[in-house]
Amino acid sequence: MPCAEYYVSKGVLRWKIRCGEAEFDYDTKLSAMSAAIGAAVQSGSRGFEACVLIEGRDGEWEPRWVYGRDAIPGNA
């Protein structure tokens, strides 16, 4: 199964999401995480193994949200 990984990190002034070659900027961590999870939900619903990873203080990538494991925001 194909995999879609969304990497969220703090840039100099803004938060960033990177997926493959694409990169998107956001003003806040919350807006970046929300956008990354939304994109991962879309990818997961199309059959991809989708996850959102965030860069830790040690520079390591930590899984923060995984399609099929974690609740989809806004759904009960």
C-alpha atoms as a PDB file:
ATOM      1  CA  MET A   1       0.000   0.000   0.000  1.00  0.00           C
ATOM      2  CA  PRO A   2       1.379   3.455  -0.859  1.00  0.00           C
ATOM      3  CA  CYS A   3       2.333   5.745   1.999  1.00  0.00           C
ATOM      4  CA  ALA A   4       1.608   9.462   2.451  1.00  0.00           C
ATOM      5  CA  GLU A   5       3.752  11.122   5.106  1.00  0.00           C
ATOM      6  CA  TYR A   6       3.171  14.722   6.161  1.00  0.00           C
ATOM      7  CA  TYR A   7       6.118  16.285   7.996  1.00  0.00           C
ATOM      8  CA  VAL A   8       5.376  19.283  10.259  1.00  0.00           C
ATOM      9  CA  SER A   9       8.276  21.444  11.453  1.00  0.00           C
ATOM     10  CA  LYS A  10       8.981  24.911  12.824  1.00  0.00           C
ATOM     11  CA  GLY A  11      10.675  27.178  10.313  1.00  0.00           C
ATOM     12  CA  VAL A  12      12.359  30.467  11.120  1.00  0.00           C
ATOM     13  CA  LEU A  13       9.105  32.452  11.195  1.00  0.00           C
ATOM     14  CA  ARG A  14       6.371  29.977  10.265  1.00  0.00           C
ATOM     15  CA  TRP A  15       5.369  26.347  10.582  1.00  0.00           C
ATOM     16  CA  LYS A  16       5.820  24.117   7.535  1.00  0.00           C
ATOM     17  CA  ILE A  17       4.265  20.971   6.134  1.00  0.00           C
ATOM     18  CA  ARG A  18       6.283  18.916   3.694  1.00  0.00           C
ATOM     19  CA  CYS A  19       4.903  15.995   1.707  1.00  0.00           C
ATOM     20  CA  GLY A  20       7.137  14.666  -1.028  1.00  0.00           C
ATOM     21  CA  GLU A  21       8.457  17.657  -2.961  1.00  0.00           C
ATOM     22  CA  ALA A  22       5.594  19.948  -1.882  1.00  0.00           C
ATOM     23  CA  GLU A  23       5.959  22.395   1.021  1.00  0.00           C
ATOM     24  CA  PHE A  24       3.332  24.637   2.597  1.00  0.00           C
ATOM     25  CA  ASP A  25       3.664  27.429   5.206  1.00  0.00           C
ATOM     26  CA  TYR A  26       1.339  28.155   8.131  1.00  0.00           C
ATOM     27  CA  ASP A  27       1.276  30.861  10.791  1.00  0.00           C
ATOM     28  CA  THR A  28       0.752  28.544  13.758  1.00  0.00           C
ATOM     29  CA  LYS A  29       1.523  25.019  14.849  1.00  0.00           C
ATOM     30  CA  LEU A  30      -2.206  24.368  15.284  1.00  0.00           C
ATOM     31  CA  SER A  31      -3.046  25.451  11.735  1.00  0.00           C
ATOM     32  CA  ALA A  32      -0.187  23.360  10.307  1.00  0.00           C
ATOM     33  CA  MET A  33      -1.214  20.268  12.289  1.00  0.00           C
ATOM     34  CA  SER A  34      -4.884  20.704  11.319  1.00  0.00           C
ATOM     35  CA  ALA A  35      -3.991  21.026   7.642  1.00  0.00           C
ATOM     36  CA  ALA A  36      -1.614  18.046   7.775  1.00  0.00           C
ATOM     37  CA  ILE A  37      -4.200  15.835   9.477  1.00  0.00           C
ATOM     38  CA  GLY A  38      -6.859  16.944   6.987  1.00  0.00           C
ATOM     39  CA  ALA A  39      -4.575  16.022   4.090  1.00  0.00           C
ATOM     40  CA  ALA A  40      -3.708  12.699   5.741  1.00  0.00           C
ATOM     41  CA  VAL A  41      -7.415  11.896   6.159  1.00  0.00           C
ATOM     42  CA  GLN A  42      -7.942  12.536   2.440  1.00  0.00           C
ATOM     43  CA  SER A  43      -4.960  10.333   1.557  1.00  0.00           C
ATOM     44  CA  GLY A  44      -6.084   7.595   3.934  1.00  0.00           C
ATOM     45  CA  SER A  45      -9.587   7.569   2.466  1.00  0.00           C
ATOM     46  CA  ARG A  46      -7.999   6.972  -0.960  1.00  0.00           C
ATOM     47  CA  GLY A  47      -6.164   3.880   0.264  1.00  0.00           C
ATOM     48  CA  PHE A  48      -2.823   5.316   1.355  1.00  0.00           C
ATOM     49  CA  GLU A  49      -1.149   4.561   4.660  1.00  0.00           C
ATOM     50  CA  ALA A  50      -1.145   8.148   5.914  1.00  0.00           C
ATOM     51  CA  CYS A  51       0.547   9.728   8.907  1.00  0.00           C
ATOM     52  CA  VAL A  52       1.544  13.099  10.296  1.00  0.00           C
ATOM     53  CA  LEU A  53       5.010  13.407  11.825  1.00  0.00           C
ATOM     54  CA  ILE A  54       6.351  16.326  13.833  1.00  0.00           C
ATOM     55  CA  GLU A  55       9.978  17.259  14.322  1.00  0.00           C
ATOM     56  CA  GLY A  56      11.018  16.866  17.954  1.00  0.00           C
ATOM     57  CA  ARG A  57      13.465  19.078  19.799  1.00  0.00           C
ATOM     58  CA  ASP A  58      16.132  16.450  19.213  1.00  0.00           C
ATOM     59  CA  GLY A  59      15.552  16.637  15.439  1.00  0.00           C
ATOM     60  CA  GLU A  60      13.932  13.193  15.301  1.00  0.00           C
ATOM     61  CA  TRP A  61      10.568  12.746  13.554  1.00  0.00           C
ATOM     62  CA  GLU A  62       7.787  11.561  15.866  1.00  0.00           C
ATOM     63  CA  PRO A  63       4.456  10.178  14.606  1.00  0.00           C
ATOM     64  CA  ARG A  64       1.700  12.477  15.878  1.00  0.00           C
ATOM     65  CA  TRP A  65      -1.349  11.174  13.955  1.00  0.00           C
ATOM     66  CA  VAL A  66      -1.885   7.958  11.973  1.00  0.00           C
ATOM     67  CA  TYR A  67      -4.847   7.200   9.698  1.00  0.00           C
ATOM     68  CA  GLY A  68      -6.793   4.179  10.965  1.00  0.00           C
ATOM     69  CA  ARG A  69      -5.239   4.421  14.439  1.00  0.00           C
ATOM     70  CA  ASP A  70      -6.165   7.884  15.674  1.00  0.00           C
ATOM     71  CA  ALA A  71      -9.569   9.553  15.738  1.00  0.00           C
ATOM     72  CA  ILE A  72     -10.456  11.805  12.823  1.00  0.00           C
ATOM     73  CA  PRO A  73     -10.917  15.335  14.213  1.00  0.00           C
ATOM     74  CA  GLY A  74     -14.521  16.499  14.148  1.00  0.00           C
ATOM     75  CA  ASN A  75     -15.957  12.950  14.116  1.00  0.00           C
ATOM     76  CA  ALA A  76     -17.578  11.482  17.199  1.00  0.00           C
END
